[in-house]
Amino acid sequence: MFDKDYFKNYKEHGFKWRFWSYFIKRYTKKDDSILEIGCTYGFLFKYLKDYKNLYGIDISQYAIEQAKHISPNANFQIMNAESLKFKKEQCKLILAIDVIEHVKNPEKCIKECNRILNKEGMSL
């Protein structure tokens, strides 16, 4: 379903990603682990090139392939938001921008985020 045709009108909105990157830089350190759920093409991480632990997940293989080229500084994987393959308390920041309405079981997704979010972390 989420193949090349699905994304044919998907464009980078630089202002949106610059806004989020400003927010992230203000509240995190460059060695914090940051996860973006539903990262699509990984545009956000283009603005966080000096960060070391960037993780992007999406259920679309096509989107992940694009993300790896657009933001090679990050780690991208095909993954379901309801079954996150991260360690307990691994992430300082979790972003799910325009995602929760697409998740089949939002409660399970939120529980998973809570599991991998560290005690000092935040999710958006």
PDB file of N, CA and C in Angstrom:
ATOM      1  N   MET A   1       0.812  -1.203   0.000  1.00  0.00           N
ATOM      2  CA  MET A   1       0.000   0.000   0.000  1.00  0.00           C
ATOM      3  C   MET A   1       0.858   1.272   0.000  1.00  0.00           C
ATOM      4  N   PHE A   2       1.909   1.293   0.801  1.00  0.00           N
ATOM      5  CA  PHE A   2       2.739   2.491   0.907  1.00  0.00           C
ATOM      6  C   PHE A   2       3.949   2.369  -0.015  1.00  0.00           C
ATOM      7  N   ASP A   3       3.678   2.230  -1.315  1.00  0.00           N
ATOM      8  CA  ASP A   3       4.731   2.089  -2.305  1.00  0.00           C
ATOM      9  C   ASP A   3       5.002   3.431  -2.990  1.00  0.00           C
ATOM     10  N   LYS A   4       5.729   3.393  -4.071  1.00  0.00           N
ATOM     11  CA  LYS A   4       6.114   4.613  -4.791  1.00  0.00           C
ATOM     12  C   LYS A   4       4.899   5.457  -5.183  1.00  0.00           C
ATOM     13  N   ASP A   5       3.843   4.847  -5.644  1.00  0.00           N
ATOM     14  CA  ASP A   5       2.652   5.592  -6.057  1.00  0.00           C
ATOM     15  C   ASP A   5       2.000   6.343  -4.893  1.00  0.00           C
ATOM     16  N   TYR A   6       2.037   5.750  -3.721  1.00  0.00           N
ATOM     17  CA  TYR A   6       1.453   6.403  -2.543  1.00  0.00           C
ATOM     18  C   TYR A   6       2.148   7.751  -2.264  1.00  0.00           C
ATOM     19  N   PHE A   7       3.444   7.814  -2.508  1.00  0.00           N
ATOM     20  CA  PHE A   7       4.236   9.003  -2.185  1.00  0.00           C
ATOM     21  C   PHE A   7       4.441   9.952  -3.365  1.00  0.00           C
ATOM     22  N   LYS A   8       3.709   9.768  -4.474  1.00  0.00           N
ATOM     23  CA  LYS A   8       3.991  10.551  -5.679  1.00  0.00           C
ATOM     24  C   LYS A   8       3.859  12.058  -5.481  1.00  0.00           C
ATOM     25  N   ASN A   9       3.037  12.500  -4.559  1.00  0.00           N
ATOM     26  CA  ASN A   9       2.896  13.941  -4.301  1.00  0.00           C
ATOM     27  C   ASN A   9       3.565  14.383  -3.008  1.00  0.00           C
ATOM     28  N   TYR A  10       4.362  13.499  -2.416  1.00  0.00           N
ATOM     29  CA  TYR A  10       5.018  13.807  -1.147  1.00  0.00           C
ATOM     30  C   TYR A  10       6.222  14.700  -1.403  1.00  0.00           C
ATOM     31  N   LYS A  11       6.263  15.842  -0.721  1.00  0.00           N
ATOM     32  CA  LYS A  11       7.340  16.808  -0.922  1.00  0.00           C
ATOM     33  C   LYS A  11       7.924  17.217   0.414  1.00  0.00           C
ATOM     34  N   GLU A  12       9.142  17.648   0.339  1.00  0.00           N
ATOM     35  CA  GLU A  12       9.794  18.169   1.539  1.00  0.00           C
ATOM     36  C   GLU A  12       9.277  19.582   1.803  1.00  0.00           C
ATOM     37  N   HIS A  13       8.832  19.803   3.012  1.00  0.00           N
ATOM     38  CA  HIS A  13       8.440  21.138   3.451  1.00  0.00           C
ATOM     39  C   HIS A  13       9.509  21.603   4.427  1.00  0.00           C
ATOM     40  N   GLY A  14      10.536  22.251   3.885  1.00  0.00           N
ATOM     41  CA  GLY A  14      11.706  22.629   4.663  1.00  0.00           C
ATOM     42  C   GLY A  14      11.376  23.384   5.925  1.00  0.00           C
ATOM     43  N   PHE A  15      10.386  24.276   5.872  1.00  0.00           N
ATOM     44  CA  PHE A  15      10.052  25.054   7.066  1.00  0.00           C
ATOM     45  C   PHE A  15       9.632  24.133   8.206  1.00  0.00           C
ATOM     46  N   LYS A  16       8.803  23.147   7.902  1.00  0.00           N
ATOM     47  CA  LYS A  16       8.324  22.202   8.919  1.00  0.00           C
ATOM     48  C   LYS A  16       9.495  21.484   9.581  1.00  0.00           C
ATOM     49  N   TRP A  17      10.427  20.980   8.783  1.00  0.00           N
ATOM     50  CA  TRP A  17      11.539  20.209   9.331  1.00  0.00           C
ATOM     51  C   TRP A  17      12.554  21.099  10.028  1.00  0.00           C
ATOM     52  N   ARG A  18      12.734  22.325   9.555  1.00  0.00           N
ATOM     53  CA  ARG A  18      13.617  23.265  10.262  1.00  0.00           C
ATOM     54  C   ARG A  18      13.031  23.617  11.619  1.00  0.00           C
ATOM     55  N   PHE A  19      11.704  23.807  11.681  1.00  0.00           N
ATOM     56  CA  PHE A  19      11.042  24.088  12.957  1.00  0.00           C
ATOM     57  C   PHE A  19      11.303  22.961  13.946  1.00  0.00           C
ATOM     58  N   TRP A  20      11.038  21.710  13.515  1.00  0.00           N
ATOM     59  CA  TRP A  20      11.235  20.577  14.410  1.00  0.00           C
ATOM     60  C   TRP A  20      12.694  20.428  14.796  1.00  0.00           C
ATOM     61  N   SER A  21      13.614  20.650  13.876  1.00  0.00           N
ATOM     62  CA  SER A  21      15.033  20.511  14.204  1.00  0.00           C
ATOM     63  C   SER A  21      15.467  21.581  15.213  1.00  0.00           C
ATOM     64  N   TYR A  22      14.929  22.774  15.096  1.00  0.00           N
ATOM     65  CA  TYR A  22      15.222  23.824  16.085  1.00  0.00           C
ATOM     66  C   TYR A  22      14.766  23.375  17.473  1.00  0.00           C
ATOM     67  N   PHE A  23      13.572  22.850  17.554  1.00  0.00           N
ATOM     68  CA  PHE A  23      13.030  22.365  18.821  1.00  0.00           C
ATOM     69  C   PHE A  23      13.903  21.248  19.391  1.00  0.00           C
ATOM     70  N   ILE A  24      14.263  20.302  18.551  1.00  0.00           N
ATOM     71  CA  ILE A  24      15.085  19.167  18.980  1.00  0.00           C
ATOM     72  C   ILE A  24      16.438  19.643  19.485  1.00  0.00           C
ATOM     73  N   LYS A  25      17.074  20.529  18.755  1.00  0.00           N
ATOM     74  CA  LYS A  25      18.387  21.037  19.162  1.00  0.00           C
ATOM     75  C   LYS A  25      18.326  21.792  20.485  1.00  0.00           C
ATOM     76  N   ARG A  26      17.218  22.412  20.743  1.00  0.00           N
ATOM     77  CA  ARG A  26      17.063  23.175  21.977  1.00  0.00           C
ATOM     78  C   ARG A  26      16.944  22.268  23.212  1.00  0.00           C
ATOM     79  N   TYR A  27      16.339  21.103  23.046  1.00  0.00           N
ATOM     80  CA  TYR A  27      16.037  20.251  24.195  1.00  0.00           C
ATOM     81  C   TYR A  27      16.811  18.935  24.258  1.00  0.00           C
ATOM     82  N   THR A  28      17.727  18.723  23.336  1.00  0.00           N
ATOM     83  CA  THR A  28      18.506  17.481  23.350  1.00  0.00           C
ATOM     84  C   THR A  28      19.985  17.775  23.171  1.00  0.00           C
ATOM     85  N   LYS A  29      20.782  16.736  23.409  1.00  0.00           N
ATOM     86  CA  LYS A  29      22.232  16.798  23.162  1.00  0.00           C
ATOM     87  C   LYS A  29      22.540  15.981  21.917  1.00  0.00           C
ATOM     88  N   LYS A  30      23.695  16.232  21.340  1.00  0.00           N
ATOM     89  CA  LYS A  30      24.056  15.586  20.078  1.00  0.00           C
ATOM     90  C   LYS A  30      24.272  14.082  20.193  1.00  0.00           C
ATOM     91  N   ASP A  31      24.420  13.575  21.411  1.00  0.00           N
ATOM     92  CA  ASP A  31      24.591  12.130  21.569  1.00  0.00           C
ATOM     93  C   ASP A  31      23.329  11.439  22.093  1.00  0.00           C
ATOM     94  N   ASP A  32      22.220  12.177  22.237  1.00  0.00           N
ATOM     95  CA  ASP A  32      20.949  11.580  22.650  1.00  0.00           C
ATOM     96  C   ASP A  32      20.378  10.715  21.521  1.00  0.00           C
ATOM     97  N   SER A  33      19.677   9.657  21.898  1.00  0.00           N
ATOM     98  CA  SER A  33      19.003   8.807  20.917  1.00  0.00           C
ATOM     99  C   SER A  33      17.642   9.408  20.585  1.00  0.00           C
ATOM    100  N   ILE A  34      17.421   9.618  19.293  1.00  0.00           N
ATOM    101  CA  ILE A  34      16.184  10.221  18.813  1.00  0.00           C
ATOM    102  C   ILE A  34      15.539   9.271  17.816  1.00  0.00           C
ATOM    103  N   LEU A  35      14.261   8.996  18.027  1.00  0.00           N
ATOM    104  CA  LEU A  35      13.502   8.113  17.145  1.00  0.00           C
ATOM    105  C   LEU A  35      12.372   8.896  16.497  1.00  0.00           C
ATOM    106  N   GLU A  36      12.279   8.787  15.178  1.00  0.00           N
ATOM    107  CA  GLU A  36      11.122   9.331  14.478  1.00  0.00           C
ATOM    108  C   GLU A  36      10.311   8.163  13.918  1.00  0.00           C
ATOM    109  N   ILE A  37       9.094   8.027  14.428  1.00  0.00           N
ATOM    110  CA  ILE A  37       8.173   7.000  13.953  1.00  0.00           C
ATOM    111  C   ILE A  37       7.422   7.565  12.758  1.00  0.00           C
ATOM    112  N   GLY A  38       7.368   6.816  11.677  1.00  0.00           N
ATOM    113  CA  GLY A  38       6.732   7.313  10.455  1.00  0.00           C
ATOM    114  C   GLY A  38       7.611   8.352   9.787  1.00  0.00           C
ATOM    115  N   CYS A  39       8.879   8.043   9.641  1.00  0.00           N
ATOM    116  CA  CYS A  39       9.864   9.018   9.145  1.00  0.00           C
ATOM    117  C   CYS A  39       9.744   9.299   7.655  1.00  0.00           C
ATOM    118  N   THR A  40       8.995   8.520   6.926  1.00  0.00           N
ATOM    119  CA  THR A  40       8.884   8.591   5.468  1.00  0.00           C
ATOM    120  C   THR A  40      10.277   8.738   4.849  1.00  0.00           C
ATOM    121  N   TYR A  41      10.586   9.863   4.215  1.00  0.00           N
ATOM    122  CA  TYR A  41      11.855  10.035   3.499  1.00  0.00           C
ATOM    123  C   TYR A  41      13.003  10.526   4.378  1.00  0.00           C
ATOM    124  N   GLY A  42      12.786  10.669   5.667  1.00  0.00           N
ATOM    125  CA  GLY A  42      13.866  11.066   6.566  1.00  0.00           C
ATOM    126  C   GLY A  42      14.297  12.516   6.443  1.00  0.00           C
ATOM    127  N   PHE A  43      13.413  13.374   5.961  1.00  0.00           N
ATOM    128  CA  PHE A  43      13.777  14.781   5.772  1.00  0.00           C
ATOM    129  C   PHE A  43      14.232  15.462   7.060  1.00  0.00           C
ATOM    130  N   LEU A  44      13.624  15.125   8.187  1.00  0.00           N
ATOM    131  CA  LEU A  44      13.986  15.762   9.453  1.00  0.00           C
ATOM    132  C   LEU A  44      15.466  15.610   9.757  1.00  0.00           C
ATOM    133  N   PHE A  45      16.001  14.438   9.512  1.00  0.00           N
ATOM    134  CA  PHE A  45      17.380  14.171   9.902  1.00  0.00           C
ATOM    135  C   PHE A  45      18.404  14.891   9.033  1.00  0.00           C
ATOM    136  N   LYS A  46      17.986  15.427   7.889  1.00  0.00           N
ATOM    137  CA  LYS A  46      18.887  16.277   7.099  1.00  0.00           C
ATOM    138  C   LYS A  46      19.322  17.492   7.914  1.00  0.00           C
ATOM    139  N   TYR A  47      18.457  17.918   8.825  1.00  0.00           N
ATOM    140  CA  TYR A  47      18.713  19.116   9.629  1.00  0.00           C
ATOM    141  C   TYR A  47      19.389  18.786  10.954  1.00  0.00           C
ATOM    142  N   LEU A  48      19.702  17.522  11.168  1.00  0.00           N
ATOM    143  CA  LEU A  48      20.357  17.084  12.406  1.00  0.00           C
ATOM    144  C   LEU A  48      21.619  16.292  12.082  1.00  0.00           C
ATOM    145  N   LYS A  49      22.370  16.758  11.107  1.00  0.00           N
ATOM    146  CA  LYS A  49      23.544  16.028  10.614  1.00  0.00           C
ATOM    147  C   LYS A  49      24.605  15.779  11.682  1.00  0.00           C
ATOM    148  N   ASP A  50      24.692  16.650  12.672  1.00  0.00           N
ATOM    149  CA  ASP A  50      25.720  16.493  13.703  1.00  0.00           C
ATOM    150  C   ASP A  50      25.270  15.614  14.869  1.00  0.00           C
ATOM    151  N   TYR A  51      24.086  15.045  14.795  1.00  0.00           N
ATOM    152  CA  TYR A  51      23.595  14.129  15.822  1.00  0.00           C
ATOM    153  C   TYR A  51      24.063  12.704  15.512  1.00  0.00           C
ATOM    154  N   LYS A  52      24.368  11.945  16.561  1.00  0.00           N
ATOM    155  CA  LYS A  52      24.986  10.631  16.395  1.00  0.00           C
ATOM    156  C   LYS A  52      24.000   9.463  16.403  1.00  0.00           C
ATOM    157  N   ASN A  53      22.895   9.582  17.113  1.00  0.00           N
ATOM    158  CA  ASN A  53      22.002   8.449  17.340  1.00  0.00           C
ATOM    159  C   ASN A  53      20.591   8.743  16.841  1.00  0.00           C
ATOM    160  N   LEU A  54      20.465   8.793  15.527  1.00  0.00           N
ATOM    161  CA  LEU A  54      19.181   9.083  14.899  1.00  0.00           C
ATOM    162  C   LEU A  54      18.595   7.799  14.329  1.00  0.00           C
ATOM    163  N   TYR A  55      17.342   7.543  14.665  1.00  0.00           N
ATOM    164  CA  TYR A  55      16.654   6.345  14.203  1.00  0.00           C
ATOM    165  C   TYR A  55      15.331   6.738  13.563  1.00  0.00           C
ATOM    166  N   GLY A  56      15.103   6.234  12.378  1.00  0.00           N
ATOM    167  CA  GLY A  56      13.838   6.477  11.698  1.00  0.00           C
ATOM    168  C   GLY A  56      13.208   5.155  11.314  1.00  0.00           C
ATOM    169  N   ILE A  57      11.908   5.040  11.596  1.00  0.00           N
ATOM    170  CA  ILE A  57      11.206   3.825  11.202  1.00  0.00           C
ATOM    171  C   ILE A  57       9.977   4.194  10.376  1.00  0.00           C
ATOM    172  N   ASP A  58       9.607   3.286   9.506  1.00  0.00           N
ATOM    173  CA  ASP A  58       8.412   3.442   8.691  1.00  0.00           C
ATOM    174  C   ASP A  58       8.002   2.043   8.238  1.00  0.00           C
ATOM    175  N   ILE A  59       6.742   1.867   7.904  1.00  0.00           N
ATOM    176  CA  ILE A  59       6.298   0.567   7.416  1.00  0.00           C
ATOM    177  C   ILE A  59       6.494   0.430   5.909  1.00  0.00           C
ATOM    178  N   SER A  60       6.862   1.507   5.256  1.00  0.00           N
ATOM    179  CA  SER A  60       7.050   1.495   3.806  1.00  0.00           C
ATOM    180  C   SER A  60       8.510   1.226   3.439  1.00  0.00           C
ATOM    181  N   GLN A  61       8.726   0.129   2.744  1.00  0.00           N
ATOM    182  CA  GLN A  61      10.072  -0.183   2.270  1.00  0.00           C
ATOM    183  C   GLN A  61      10.555   0.902   1.304  1.00  0.00           C
ATOM    184  N   TYR A  62       9.675   1.367   0.454  1.00  0.00           N
ATOM    185  CA  TYR A  62      10.044   2.412  -0.503  1.00  0.00           C
ATOM    186  C   TYR A  62      10.505   3.683   0.224  1.00  0.00           C
ATOM    187  N   ALA A  63       9.759   4.117   1.236  1.00  0.00           N
ATOM    188  CA  ALA A  63      10.122   5.324   1.978  1.00  0.00           C
ATOM    189  C   ALA A  63      11.468   5.156   2.668  1.00  0.00           C
ATOM    190  N   ILE A  64      11.704   4.006   3.258  1.00  0.00           N
ATOM    191  CA  ILE A  64      12.978   3.755   3.943  1.00  0.00           C
ATOM    192  C   ILE A  64      14.142   3.787   2.960  1.00  0.00           C
ATOM    193  N   GLU A  65      13.955   3.228   1.779  1.00  0.00           N
ATOM    194  CA  GLU A  65      15.011   3.279   0.760  1.00  0.00           C
ATOM    195  C   GLU A  65      15.351   4.726   0.400  1.00  0.00           C
ATOM    196  N   GLN A  66      14.337   5.567   0.260  1.00  0.00           N
ATOM    197  CA  GLN A  66      14.564   6.982  -0.045  1.00  0.00           C
ATOM    198  C   GLN A  66      15.274   7.678   1.121  1.00  0.00           C
ATOM    199  N   ALA A  67      14.834   7.373   2.329  1.00  0.00           N
ATOM    200  CA  ALA A  67      15.410   8.005   3.529  1.00  0.00           C
ATOM    201  C   ALA A  67      16.906   7.728   3.644  1.00  0.00           C
ATOM    202  N   LYS A  68      17.311   6.515   3.328  1.00  0.00           N
ATOM    203  CA  LYS A  68      18.729   6.147   3.426  1.00  0.00           C
ATOM    204  C   LYS A  68      19.595   6.990   2.505  1.00  0.00           C
ATOM    205  N   HIS A  69      19.032   7.440   1.389  1.00  0.00           N
ATOM    206  CA  HIS A  69      19.777   8.292   0.459  1.00  0.00           C
ATOM    207  C   HIS A  69      19.724   9.757   0.871  1.00  0.00           C
ATOM    208  N   ILE A  70      18.584  10.179   1.388  1.00  0.00           N
ATOM    209  CA  ILE A  70      18.389  11.592   1.730  1.00  0.00           C
ATOM    210  C   ILE A  70      19.127  11.966   3.013  1.00  0.00           C
ATOM    211  N   SER A  71      19.116  11.082   3.995  1.00  0.00           N
ATOM    212  CA  SER A  71      19.765  11.349   5.287  1.00  0.00           C
ATOM    213  C   SER A  71      20.654  10.174   5.676  1.00  0.00           C
ATOM    214  N   PRO A  72      21.814  10.034   5.037  1.00  0.00           N
ATOM    215  CA  PRO A  72      22.673   8.880   5.306  1.00  0.00           C
ATOM    216  C   PRO A  72      23.288   8.878   6.709  1.00  0.00           C
ATOM    217  N   ASN A  73      23.120   9.964   7.442  1.00  0.00           N
ATOM    218  CA  ASN A  73      23.664  10.049   8.794  1.00  0.00           C
ATOM    219  C   ASN A  73      22.806   9.324   9.827  1.00  0.00           C
ATOM    220  N   ALA A  74      21.650   8.812   9.435  1.00  0.00           N
ATOM    221  CA  ALA A  74      20.710   8.182  10.368  1.00  0.00           C
ATOM    222  C   ALA A  74      20.569   6.687  10.076  1.00  0.00           C
ATOM    223  N   ASN A  75      19.997   5.996  11.045  1.00  0.00           N
ATOM    224  CA  ASN A  75      19.713   4.569  10.925  1.00  0.00           C
ATOM    225  C   ASN A  75      18.228   4.398  10.619  1.00  0.00           C
ATOM    226  N   PHE A  76      17.915   3.795   9.485  1.00  0.00           N
ATOM    227  CA  PHE A  76      16.525   3.619   9.078  1.00  0.00           C
ATOM    228  C   PHE A  76      16.180   2.137   8.992  1.00  0.00           C
ATOM    229  N   GLN A  77      14.954   1.813   9.436  1.00  0.00           N
ATOM    230  CA  GLN A  77      14.487   0.435   9.391  1.00  0.00           C
ATOM    231  C   GLN A  77      13.001   0.386   9.069  1.00  0.00           C
ATOM    232  N   ILE A  78      12.614  -0.689   8.418  1.00  0.00           N
ATOM    233  CA  ILE A  78      11.194  -0.965   8.235  1.00  0.00           C
ATOM    234  C   ILE A  78      10.717  -1.567   9.557  1.00  0.00           C
ATOM    235  N   MET A  79       9.717  -0.936  10.152  1.00  0.00           N
ATOM    236  CA  MET A  79       9.258  -1.409  11.451  1.00  0.00           C
ATOM    237  C   MET A  79       7.848  -0.913  11.708  1.00  0.00           C
ATOM    238  N   ASN A  80       7.089  -1.726  12.413  1.00  0.00           N
ATOM    239  CA  ASN A  80       5.736  -1.383  12.814  1.00  0.00           C
ATOM    240  C   ASN A  80       5.794  -0.609  14.126  1.00  0.00           C
ATOM    241  N   ALA A  81       5.050   0.456  14.239  1.00  0.00           N
ATOM    242  CA  ALA A  81       5.061   1.317  15.432  1.00  0.00           C
ATOM    243  C   ALA A  81       4.465   0.634  16.649  1.00  0.00           C
ATOM    244  N   GLU A  82       3.797  -0.471  16.451  1.00  0.00           N
ATOM    245  CA  GLU A  82       3.172  -1.187  17.569  1.00  0.00           C
ATOM    246  C   GLU A  82       4.088  -2.252  18.156  1.00  0.00           C
ATOM    247  N   SER A  83       5.245  -2.450  17.548  1.00  0.00           N
ATOM    248  CA  SER A  83       6.198  -3.456  18.007  1.00  0.00           C
ATOM    249  C   SER A  83       7.609  -2.926  17.764  1.00  0.00           C
ATOM    250  N   LEU A  84       8.031  -2.005  18.608  1.00  0.00           N
ATOM    251  CA  LEU A  84       9.309  -1.314  18.417  1.00  0.00           C
ATOM    252  C   LEU A  84      10.480  -2.185  18.882  1.00  0.00           C
ATOM    253  N   LYS A  85      11.451  -2.341  18.021  1.00  0.00           N
ATOM    254  CA  LYS A  85      12.610  -3.188  18.319  1.00  0.00           C
ATOM    255  C   LYS A  85      13.745  -2.343  18.884  1.00  0.00           C
ATOM    256  N   PHE A  86      13.467  -1.717  20.008  1.00  0.00           N
ATOM    257  CA  PHE A  86      14.456  -0.922  20.715  1.00  0.00           C
ATOM    258  C   PHE A  86      14.491  -1.371  22.167  1.00  0.00           C
ATOM    259  N   LYS A  87      15.603  -1.115  22.815  1.00  0.00           N
ATOM    260  CA  LYS A  87      15.758  -1.498  24.215  1.00  0.00           C
ATOM    261  C   LYS A  87      14.910  -0.613  25.122  1.00  0.00           C
ATOM    262  N   LYS A  88      14.602  -1.136  26.277  1.00  0.00           N
ATOM    263  CA  LYS A  88      13.874  -0.380  27.292  1.00  0.00           C
ATOM    264  C   LYS A  88      14.669   0.880  27.631  1.00  0.00           C
ATOM    265  N   GLU A  89      13.985   2.009  27.645  1.00  0.00           N
ATOM    266  CA  GLU A  89      14.548   3.322  27.987  1.00  0.00           C
ATOM    267  C   GLU A  89      15.710   3.737  27.080  1.00  0.00           C
ATOM    268  N   GLN A  90      15.687   3.324  25.828  1.00  0.00           N
ATOM    269  CA  GLN A  90      16.776   3.634  24.894  1.00  0.00           C
ATOM    270  C   GLN A  90      16.733   5.068  24.358  1.00  0.00           C
ATOM    271  N   CYS A  91      15.557   5.639  24.211  1.00  0.00           N
ATOM    272  CA  CYS A  91      15.424   6.905  23.492  1.00  0.00           C
ATOM    273  C   CYS A  91      15.181   8.092  24.420  1.00  0.00           C
ATOM    274  N   LYS A  92      15.815   9.193  24.101  1.00  0.00           N
ATOM    275  CA  LYS A  92      15.607  10.454  24.814  1.00  0.00           C
ATOM    276  C   LYS A  92      14.413  11.209  24.236  1.00  0.00           C
ATOM    277  N   LEU A  93      14.204  11.071  22.932  1.00  0.00           N
ATOM    278  CA  LEU A  93      13.119  11.775  22.257  1.00  0.00           C
ATOM    279  C   LEU A  93      12.483  10.852  21.225  1.00  0.00           C
ATOM    280  N   ILE A  94      11.164  10.813  21.231  1.00  0.00           N
ATOM    281  CA  ILE A  94      10.413  10.053  20.233  1.00  0.00           C
ATOM    282  C   ILE A  94       9.431  10.999  19.563  1.00  0.00           C
ATOM    283  N   LEU A  95       9.490  11.062  18.245  1.00  0.00           N
ATOM    284  CA  LEU A  95       8.565  11.880  17.472  1.00  0.00           C
ATOM    285  C   LEU A  95       7.677  10.986  16.631  1.00  0.00           C
ATOM    286  N   ALA A  96       6.410  11.307  16.591  1.00  0.00           N
ATOM    287  CA  ALA A  96       5.449  10.615  15.724  1.00  0.00           C
ATOM    288  C   ALA A  96       4.556  11.702  15.129  1.00  0.00           C
ATOM    289  N   ILE A  97       5.091  12.420  14.167  1.00  0.00           N
ATOM    290  CA  ILE A  97       4.416  13.569  13.580  1.00  0.00           C
ATOM    291  C   ILE A  97       3.450  13.086  12.494  1.00  0.00           C
ATOM    292  N   ASP A  98       2.173  13.377  12.659  1.00  0.00           N
ATOM    293  CA  ASP A  98       1.142  12.962  11.699  1.00  0.00           C
ATOM    294  C   ASP A  98       1.120  11.444  11.507  1.00  0.00           C
ATOM    295  N   VAL A  99       1.229  10.702  12.599  1.00  0.00           N
ATOM    296  CA  VAL A  99       1.339   9.253  12.505  1.00  0.00           C
ATOM    297  C   VAL A  99       0.217   8.515  13.228  1.00  0.00           C
ATOM    298  N   ILE A 100      -0.117   8.922  14.421  1.00  0.00           N
ATOM    299  CA  ILE A 100      -0.982   8.127  15.294  1.00  0.00           C
ATOM    300  C   ILE A 100      -2.316   7.765  14.634  1.00  0.00           C
ATOM    301  N   GLU A 101      -2.822   8.621  13.763  1.00  0.00           N
ATOM    302  CA  GLU A 101      -4.094   8.338  13.099  1.00  0.00           C
ATOM    303  C   GLU A 101      -3.973   7.212  12.066  1.00  0.00           C
ATOM    304  N   HIS A 102      -2.742   6.828  11.723  1.00  0.00           N
ATOM    305  CA  HIS A 102      -2.517   5.755  10.758  1.00  0.00           C
ATOM    306  C   HIS A 102      -2.230   4.410  11.425  1.00  0.00           C
ATOM    307  N   VAL A 103      -2.060   4.416  12.727  1.00  0.00           N
ATOM    308  CA  VAL A 103      -1.698   3.204  13.456  1.00  0.00           C
ATOM    309  C   VAL A 103      -2.954   2.396  13.778  1.00  0.00           C
ATOM    310  N   LYS A 104      -2.906   1.089  13.528  1.00  0.00           N
ATOM    311  CA  LYS A 104      -4.069   0.236  13.782  1.00  0.00           C
ATOM    312  C   LYS A 104      -4.434   0.180  15.261  1.00  0.00           C
ATOM    313  N   ASN A 105      -3.430   0.105  16.128  1.00  0.00           N
ATOM    314  CA  ASN A 105      -3.666   0.000  17.562  1.00  0.00           C
ATOM    315  C   ASN A 105      -2.874   1.111  18.273  1.00  0.00           C
ATOM    316  N   PRO A 106      -3.420   2.333  18.333  1.00  0.00           N
ATOM    317  CA  PRO A 106      -2.692   3.464  18.926  1.00  0.00           C
ATOM    318  C   PRO A 106      -2.270   3.220  20.376  1.00  0.00           C
ATOM    319  N   GLU A 107      -3.105   2.533  21.138  1.00  0.00           N
ATOM    320  CA  GLU A 107      -2.766   2.283  22.547  1.00  0.00           C
ATOM    321  C   GLU A 107      -1.493   1.441  22.663  1.00  0.00           C
ATOM    322  N   LYS A 108      -1.384   0.431  21.828  1.00  0.00           N
ATOM    323  CA  LYS A 108      -0.184  -0.412  21.838  1.00  0.00           C
ATOM    324  C   LYS A 108       1.049   0.392  21.417  1.00  0.00           C
ATOM    325  N   CYS A 109       0.892   1.253  20.441  1.00  0.00           N
ATOM    326  CA  CYS A 109       1.988   2.119  19.989  1.00  0.00           C
ATOM    327  C   CYS A 109       2.457   3.031  21.127  1.00  0.00           C
ATOM    328  N   ILE A 110       1.518   3.614  21.837  1.00  0.00           N
ATOM    329  CA  ILE A 110       1.866   4.514  22.937  1.00  0.00           C
ATOM    330  C   ILE A 110       2.565   3.748  24.062  1.00  0.00           C
ATOM    331  N   LYS A 111       2.104   2.538  24.345  1.00  0.00           N
ATOM    332  CA  LYS A 111       2.759   1.709  25.372  1.00  0.00           C
ATOM    333  C   LYS A 111       4.190   1.371  24.971  1.00  0.00           C
ATOM    334  N   GLU A 112       4.389   1.069  23.705  1.00  0.00           N
ATOM    335  CA  GLU A 112       5.735   0.776  23.214  1.00  0.00           C
ATOM    336  C   GLU A 112       6.641   2.003  23.340  1.00  0.00           C
ATOM    337  N   CYS A 113       6.115   3.166  22.990  1.00  0.00           N
ATOM    338  CA  CYS A 113       6.890   4.403  23.130  1.00  0.00           C
ATOM    339  C   CYS A 113       7.263   4.640  24.587  1.00  0.00           C
ATOM    340  N   ASN A 114       6.321   4.407  25.467  1.00  0.00           N
ATOM    341  CA  ASN A 114       6.578   4.574  26.894  1.00  0.00           C
ATOM    342  C   ASN A 114       7.671   3.617  27.367  1.00  0.00           C
ATOM    343  N   ARG A 115       7.692   2.417  26.838  1.00  0.00           N
ATOM    344  CA  ARG A 115       8.687   1.415  27.215  1.00  0.00           C
ATOM    345  C   ARG A 115      10.098   1.832  26.817  1.00  0.00           C
ATOM    346  N   ILE A 116      10.251   2.380  25.624  1.00  0.00           N
ATOM    347  CA  ILE A 116      11.604   2.700  25.136  1.00  0.00           C
ATOM    348  C   ILE A 116      12.055   4.122  25.465  1.00  0.00           C
ATOM    349  N   LEU A 117      11.166   4.934  25.992  1.00  0.00           N
ATOM    350  CA  LEU A 117      11.511   6.313  26.348  1.00  0.00           C
ATOM    351  C   LEU A 117      12.216   6.316  27.701  1.00  0.00           C
ATOM    352  N   ASN A 118      13.380   6.979  27.775  1.00  0.00           N
ATOM    353  CA  ASN A 118      14.075   6.997  29.060  1.00  0.00           C
ATOM    354  C   ASN A 118      13.418   7.996  30.024  1.00  0.00           C
ATOM    355  N   LYS A 119      13.781   7.910  31.260  1.00  0.00           N
ATOM    356  CA  LYS A 119      13.108   8.684  32.322  1.00  0.00           C
ATOM    357  C   LYS A 119      13.204  10.195  32.121  1.00  0.00           C
ATOM    358  N   GLU A 120      14.258  10.661  31.504  1.00  0.00           N
ATOM    359  CA  GLU A 120      14.420  12.097  31.251  1.00  0.00           C
ATOM    360  C   GLU A 120      13.892  12.507  29.888  1.00  0.00           C
ATOM    361  N   GLY A 121      13.358  11.549  29.143  1.00  0.00           N
ATOM    362  CA  GLY A 121      12.965  11.807  27.768  1.00  0.00           C
ATOM    363  C   GLY A 121      11.601  12.422  27.598  1.00  0.00           C
ATOM    364  N   MET A 122      11.282  12.694  26.316  1.00  0.00           N
ATOM    365  CA  MET A 122       9.969  13.259  25.967  1.00  0.00           C
ATOM    366  C   MET A 122       9.539  12.681  24.629  1.00  0.00           C
ATOM    367  N   SER A 123       8.225  12.634  24.464  1.00  0.00           N
ATOM    368  CA  SER A 123       7.687  12.176  23.189  1.00  0.00           C
ATOM    369  C   SER A 123       6.745  13.230  22.643  1.00  0.00           C
ATOM    370  N   LEU A 124       6.738  13.325  21.328  1.00  0.00           N
ATOM    371  CA  LEU A 124       5.897  14.312  20.647  1.00  0.00           C
ATOM    372  C   LEU A 124       5.165  13.650  19.499  1.00  0.00           C
TER     373      LEU A 124
END
